[in-house]
Amino acid sequence: MTRNPLRAHFAVVSADEVRTRPRRFALAHATHLSSMEAHAHVEVEPAFLTQAEVAVLLGVPERTLEGWRLTKCGPPWLKLGRHVKYDGDDVLAWAREQRHG
């Protein structure tokens, strides 16, 4: 028989005990919700671009970006889990640095 390790963290309480416990959690939760509502109107644009989007932006094949990552000579990139992402501002700044003349 497998024992659930989380079971040890829960306790059986009566309905009377639940009604008489202080409601600190409910107050903290309500405060959190009100702060979320204050920021609900803010729209967030995606901050990171995919390899395909950067390839279109720079006008190069995706394989070129992969080669640049291997040789560390392309635009700065980051890895989020197994996904390669680019910051749009960093890509544009890198492209401006490549100007000659």
N, C-alpha and C. Protein backbone atom coordinates (compact mmCIF):
# COMPACT_ATOMS: atom_id res chain seq x y z
N MET A 1 0.84 -1.19 0.00
CA MET A 1 0.00 0.00 0.00
C MET A 1 0.89 1.25 0.00
N THR A 2 0.62 2.17 -0.90
CA THR A 2 1.39 3.42 -1.00
C THR A 2 0.76 4.46 -0.10
N ARG A 3 1.60 5.15 0.65
CA ARG A 3 1.11 6.18 1.57
C ARG A 3 1.22 7.54 0.89
N ASN A 4 0.18 8.32 0.95
CA ASN A 4 0.18 9.66 0.37
C ASN A 4 0.92 10.59 1.33
N PRO A 5 2.06 11.18 0.94
CA PRO A 5 2.80 12.06 1.85
C PRO A 5 2.06 13.35 2.16
N LEU A 6 1.14 13.76 1.31
CA LEU A 6 0.40 15.00 1.57
C LEU A 6 -0.69 14.81 2.63
N ARG A 7 -1.13 13.59 2.80
CA ARG A 7 -2.19 13.32 3.76
C ARG A 7 -1.81 13.78 5.17
N ALA A 8 -0.53 13.71 5.51
CA ALA A 8 -0.08 14.09 6.84
C ALA A 8 -0.28 15.58 7.09
N HIS A 9 -0.41 16.39 6.05
CA HIS A 9 -0.57 17.83 6.22
C HIS A 9 -2.01 18.26 6.43
N PHE A 10 -2.94 17.38 6.24
CA PHE A 10 -4.34 17.71 6.39
C PHE A 10 -4.88 17.13 7.69
N ALA A 11 -5.78 17.86 8.30
CA ALA A 11 -6.39 17.40 9.54
C ALA A 11 -7.90 17.44 9.39
N VAL A 12 -8.55 16.52 10.04
CA VAL A 12 -10.01 16.49 10.03
C VAL A 12 -10.50 17.41 11.13
N VAL A 13 -11.37 18.37 10.77
CA VAL A 13 -11.91 19.30 11.75
C VAL A 13 -13.43 19.31 11.63
N SER A 14 -14.05 19.69 12.73
CA SER A 14 -15.52 19.73 12.73
C SER A 14 -16.00 21.02 12.07
N ALA A 15 -17.26 21.06 11.72
CA ALA A 15 -17.85 22.25 11.11
C ALA A 15 -17.82 23.42 12.07
N ASP A 16 -18.02 23.18 13.38
CA ASP A 16 -17.98 24.27 14.36
C ASP A 16 -16.59 24.89 14.43
N GLU A 17 -15.56 24.06 14.34
CA GLU A 17 -14.20 24.59 14.41
C GLU A 17 -13.89 25.43 13.17
N VAL A 18 -14.40 25.04 12.03
CA VAL A 18 -14.17 25.81 10.81
C VAL A 18 -14.83 27.18 10.92
N ARG A 19 -16.03 27.23 11.50
CA ARG A 19 -16.74 28.51 11.64
C ARG A 19 -16.07 29.44 12.63
N THR A 20 -15.38 28.90 13.63
CA THR A 20 -14.81 29.74 14.67
C THR A 20 -13.36 30.12 14.40
N ARG A 21 -12.74 29.57 13.36
CA ARG A 21 -11.35 29.92 13.05
C ARG A 21 -11.29 31.34 12.51
N PRO A 22 -10.18 32.03 12.77
CA PRO A 22 -10.03 33.38 12.21
C PRO A 22 -9.96 33.33 10.69
N ARG A 23 -10.41 34.37 10.06
CA ARG A 23 -10.48 34.40 8.59
C ARG A 23 -9.35 35.24 8.00
N ARG A 24 -8.15 35.03 8.45
CA ARG A 24 -7.01 35.78 7.92
C ARG A 24 -6.78 35.47 6.46
N PHE A 25 -6.92 34.22 6.08
CA PHE A 25 -6.68 33.84 4.68
C PHE A 25 -7.68 34.53 3.76
N ALA A 26 -8.91 34.59 4.16
CA ALA A 26 -9.93 35.21 3.31
C ALA A 26 -9.62 36.69 3.11
N LEU A 27 -9.15 37.38 4.14
CA LEU A 27 -8.81 38.79 4.03
C LEU A 27 -7.61 38.97 3.11
N ALA A 28 -6.58 38.16 3.27
CA ALA A 28 -5.39 38.27 2.43
C ALA A 28 -5.76 37.98 0.98
N HIS A 29 -6.62 37.00 0.77
CA HIS A 29 -7.04 36.65 -0.58
C HIS A 29 -7.82 37.80 -1.21
N ALA A 30 -8.70 38.43 -0.44
CA ALA A 30 -9.48 39.56 -0.95
C ALA A 30 -8.57 40.73 -1.29
N THR A 31 -7.54 40.98 -0.49
CA THR A 31 -6.60 42.06 -0.76
C THR A 31 -5.86 41.79 -2.06
N HIS A 32 -5.45 40.55 -2.26
CA HIS A 32 -4.75 40.17 -3.48
C HIS A 32 -5.65 40.38 -4.70
N LEU A 33 -6.90 40.01 -4.60
CA LEU A 33 -7.82 40.17 -5.72
C LEU A 33 -8.05 41.63 -6.04
N SER A 34 -8.15 42.48 -5.02
CA SER A 34 -8.38 43.89 -5.29
C SER A 34 -7.16 44.52 -5.98
N SER A 35 -5.94 44.07 -5.62
CA SER A 35 -4.76 44.60 -6.31
C SER A 35 -4.70 44.10 -7.73
N MET A 36 -5.20 42.88 -7.99
CA MET A 36 -5.23 42.36 -9.35
C MET A 36 -6.22 43.15 -10.20
N GLU A 37 -7.36 43.52 -9.62
CA GLU A 37 -8.36 44.27 -10.35
C GLU A 37 -7.83 45.65 -10.75
N ALA A 38 -6.98 46.23 -9.89
CA ALA A 38 -6.43 47.55 -10.19
C ALA A 38 -5.53 47.49 -11.42
N HIS A 39 -4.89 46.35 -11.66
CA HIS A 39 -3.98 46.22 -12.79
C HIS A 39 -4.59 45.43 -13.94
N ALA A 40 -5.87 45.14 -13.86
CA ALA A 40 -6.51 44.30 -14.88
C ALA A 40 -6.58 44.99 -16.24
N HIS A 41 -6.56 46.31 -16.28
CA HIS A 41 -6.68 47.02 -17.55
C HIS A 41 -5.37 47.11 -18.32
N VAL A 42 -4.26 46.71 -17.73
CA VAL A 42 -2.95 46.78 -18.37
C VAL A 42 -2.83 45.65 -19.39
N GLU A 43 -2.50 46.01 -20.63
CA GLU A 43 -2.29 45.01 -21.67
C GLU A 43 -0.80 44.77 -21.83
N VAL A 44 -0.40 43.51 -21.87
CA VAL A 44 1.00 43.16 -21.98
C VAL A 44 1.26 42.60 -23.37
N GLU A 45 2.21 43.20 -24.06
CA GLU A 45 2.60 42.70 -25.37
C GLU A 45 3.61 41.57 -25.18
N PRO A 46 3.64 40.62 -26.10
CA PRO A 46 4.64 39.57 -25.98
C PRO A 46 6.04 40.16 -26.05
N ALA A 47 6.87 39.80 -25.10
CA ALA A 47 8.20 40.39 -25.00
C ALA A 47 9.22 39.64 -25.85
N PHE A 48 8.97 38.37 -26.15
CA PHE A 48 9.96 37.57 -26.82
C PHE A 48 9.46 37.10 -28.18
N LEU A 49 10.42 36.96 -29.11
CA LEU A 49 10.11 36.51 -30.46
C LEU A 49 10.63 35.09 -30.65
N THR A 50 9.98 34.35 -31.50
CA THR A 50 10.44 33.00 -31.83
C THR A 50 11.51 33.08 -32.90
N GLN A 51 12.15 31.97 -33.15
CA GLN A 51 13.18 31.91 -34.18
C GLN A 51 12.59 32.25 -35.55
N ALA A 52 11.39 31.76 -35.83
CA ALA A 52 10.75 32.04 -37.12
C ALA A 52 10.46 33.53 -37.27
N GLU A 53 10.01 34.17 -36.20
CA GLU A 53 9.71 35.61 -36.26
C GLU A 53 10.97 36.43 -36.48
N VAL A 54 12.06 36.04 -35.82
CA VAL A 54 13.32 36.77 -35.99
C VAL A 54 13.86 36.56 -37.41
N ALA A 55 13.71 35.36 -37.94
CA ALA A 55 14.16 35.09 -39.30
C ALA A 55 13.45 35.98 -40.30
N VAL A 56 12.14 36.16 -40.12
CA VAL A 56 11.37 37.04 -41.00
C VAL A 56 11.81 38.49 -40.79
N LEU A 57 12.00 38.89 -39.54
CA LEU A 57 12.39 40.27 -39.22
C LEU A 57 13.73 40.62 -39.86
N LEU A 58 14.69 39.71 -39.79
CA LEU A 58 16.03 39.98 -40.32
C LEU A 58 16.17 39.59 -41.79
N GLY A 59 15.21 38.83 -42.31
CA GLY A 59 15.28 38.41 -43.70
C GLY A 59 16.32 37.34 -43.95
N VAL A 60 16.51 36.45 -42.99
CA VAL A 60 17.46 35.35 -43.14
C VAL A 60 16.75 34.03 -42.85
N PRO A 61 17.29 32.91 -43.37
CA PRO A 61 16.67 31.62 -43.06
C PRO A 61 16.84 31.25 -41.58
N GLU A 62 15.94 30.42 -41.09
CA GLU A 62 16.04 29.97 -39.70
C GLU A 62 17.33 29.22 -39.45
N ARG A 63 17.80 28.47 -40.45
CA ARG A 63 19.05 27.72 -40.30
C ARG A 63 20.24 28.66 -40.07
N THR A 64 20.17 29.86 -40.62
CA THR A 64 21.23 30.85 -40.38
C THR A 64 21.24 31.25 -38.92
N LEU A 65 20.07 31.47 -38.35
CA LEU A 65 20.00 31.80 -36.92
C LEU A 65 20.57 30.67 -36.08
N GLU A 66 20.26 29.43 -36.45
CA GLU A 66 20.79 28.29 -35.71
C GLU A 66 22.32 28.26 -35.78
N GLY A 67 22.86 28.53 -36.96
CA GLY A 67 24.32 28.59 -37.12
C GLY A 67 24.93 29.71 -36.30
N TRP A 68 24.29 30.86 -36.29
CA TRP A 68 24.78 31.98 -35.49
C TRP A 68 24.79 31.65 -34.01
N ARG A 69 23.77 30.91 -33.56
CA ARG A 69 23.75 30.53 -32.14
C ARG A 69 24.92 29.60 -31.81
N LEU A 70 25.21 28.67 -32.72
CA LEU A 70 26.31 27.73 -32.49
C LEU A 70 27.67 28.44 -32.47
N THR A 71 27.84 29.43 -33.34
CA THR A 71 29.11 30.15 -33.41
C THR A 71 29.13 31.39 -32.52
N LYS A 72 28.03 31.66 -31.86
CA LYS A 72 27.90 32.81 -30.94
C LYS A 72 28.22 34.14 -31.62
N CYS A 73 27.72 34.30 -32.84
CA CYS A 73 27.97 35.56 -33.53
C CYS A 73 26.67 36.26 -33.94
N GLY A 74 25.53 35.74 -33.57
CA GLY A 74 24.26 36.33 -33.95
C GLY A 74 23.66 37.17 -32.85
N PRO A 75 22.39 37.51 -32.99
CA PRO A 75 21.71 38.31 -31.96
C PRO A 75 21.60 37.52 -30.65
N PRO A 76 21.57 38.23 -29.51
CA PRO A 76 21.45 37.55 -28.22
C PRO A 76 20.14 36.77 -28.14
N TRP A 77 20.18 35.62 -27.52
CA TRP A 77 19.02 34.74 -27.40
C TRP A 77 18.98 34.15 -26.01
N LEU A 78 17.87 33.59 -25.67
CA LEU A 78 17.75 32.90 -24.38
C LEU A 78 16.93 31.65 -24.57
N LYS A 79 17.08 30.76 -23.64
CA LYS A 79 16.38 29.49 -23.72
C LYS A 79 15.41 29.42 -22.55
N LEU A 80 14.14 29.26 -22.84
CA LEU A 80 13.10 29.10 -21.84
C LEU A 80 12.61 27.67 -21.94
N GLY A 81 13.12 26.84 -21.04
CA GLY A 81 12.83 25.42 -21.15
C GLY A 81 13.54 24.89 -22.38
N ARG A 82 12.79 24.35 -23.31
CA ARG A 82 13.39 23.87 -24.56
C ARG A 82 13.16 24.84 -25.71
N HIS A 83 12.63 26.00 -25.43
CA HIS A 83 12.29 26.97 -26.47
C HIS A 83 13.35 28.07 -26.55
N VAL A 84 13.79 28.37 -27.75
CA VAL A 84 14.71 29.48 -27.99
C VAL A 84 13.88 30.72 -28.25
N LYS A 85 14.19 31.79 -27.53
CA LYS A 85 13.45 33.05 -27.68
C LYS A 85 14.44 34.19 -27.84
N TYR A 86 13.98 35.24 -28.50
CA TYR A 86 14.77 36.44 -28.72
C TYR A 86 14.01 37.65 -28.20
N ASP A 87 14.71 38.56 -27.55
CA ASP A 87 14.10 39.82 -27.15
C ASP A 87 14.14 40.73 -28.38
N GLY A 88 13.01 41.25 -28.77
CA GLY A 88 12.92 42.07 -29.98
C GLY A 88 13.84 43.28 -29.95
N ASP A 89 13.94 43.94 -28.80
CA ASP A 89 14.82 45.11 -28.69
C ASP A 89 16.28 44.71 -28.87
N ASP A 90 16.67 43.56 -28.30
CA ASP A 90 18.05 43.08 -28.44
C ASP A 90 18.37 42.75 -29.90
N VAL A 91 17.41 42.16 -30.59
CA VAL A 91 17.63 41.80 -31.99
C VAL A 91 17.83 43.05 -32.83
N LEU A 92 17.00 44.06 -32.62
CA LEU A 92 17.13 45.30 -33.39
C LEU A 92 18.44 46.03 -33.05
N ALA A 93 18.82 46.03 -31.77
CA ALA A 93 20.09 46.66 -31.37
C ALA A 93 21.27 45.92 -32.02
N TRP A 94 21.22 44.59 -32.03
CA TRP A 94 22.28 43.80 -32.66
C TRP A 94 22.36 44.12 -34.16
N ALA A 95 21.21 44.21 -34.81
CA ALA A 95 21.19 44.51 -36.24
C ALA A 95 21.79 45.88 -36.53
N ARG A 96 21.51 46.87 -35.67
CA ARG A 96 22.08 48.20 -35.87
C ARG A 96 23.60 48.17 -35.72
N GLU A 97 24.12 47.33 -34.81
CA GLU A 97 25.57 47.23 -34.61
C GLU A 97 26.26 46.62 -35.83
N GLN A 98 25.54 45.93 -36.69
CA GLN A 98 26.14 45.26 -37.85
C GLN A 98 26.32 46.20 -39.03
N ARG A 99 25.90 47.46 -38.89
CA ARG A 99 26.03 48.42 -39.99
C ARG A 99 27.49 48.69 -40.32
N HIS A 100 27.75 48.87 -41.59
CA HIS A 100 29.10 49.24 -42.06
C HIS A 100 28.94 50.42 -42.99
N GLY A 101 29.69 51.48 -42.70
CA GLY A 101 29.69 52.64 -43.57
C GLY A 101 28.66 53.65 -43.30
